[in-house]
Amino acid sequence: MDSRKFVIKQTLLILAGQAVCVAAMLGIFALLGKFDQKALLGGIFGGLIATLNFFFMAIAATIASDKAVNQDVKGGEATVRISYIARMVVMAVVLFALVKSGLCNVFALVLPLVFTRPVLTLIEFFRKGDDNA
């Protein structure tokens, strides 16, 4: 499978998993009596930030692997390192701005960042054995 198609497919799966996890999280907020517009916006923004973080990480990993194939391992390592630093700085600034604006519940905003790993684990668990990617 083409690496760009694989990245897009994985990102869409992450987005779907984030949607399910955010919906469950908002259901728990509702059960606890803490569901409001701030929780809803926090869940939406948090899920989008986590999905975009995964997308840009996957793009950087694809670029790095292409560089490694072309015998530029140090360039690939630098790409991953710079991508990581840039993504963390941008996420910190955006999360800080959203929290300080008062638009979002802090927990609802930050929890979706944790959902990516379990979603990826489930995706890999249910992956068909005949996928070559």
Foldseek 3Di string as FASTA:
>chain_A
DDLVVVLVVVLVLLLVLLVVVLVVVLVVCVVVVNHDQQLVVLQVQLSVLLSVLSSLLSVLQVVLVVCVVVVNNVVSVVSNVVSVVVSVVVVVVVLVVSVVVVSHDNCSNNVSNVSSVVSVVVCVVPDDPPDPD
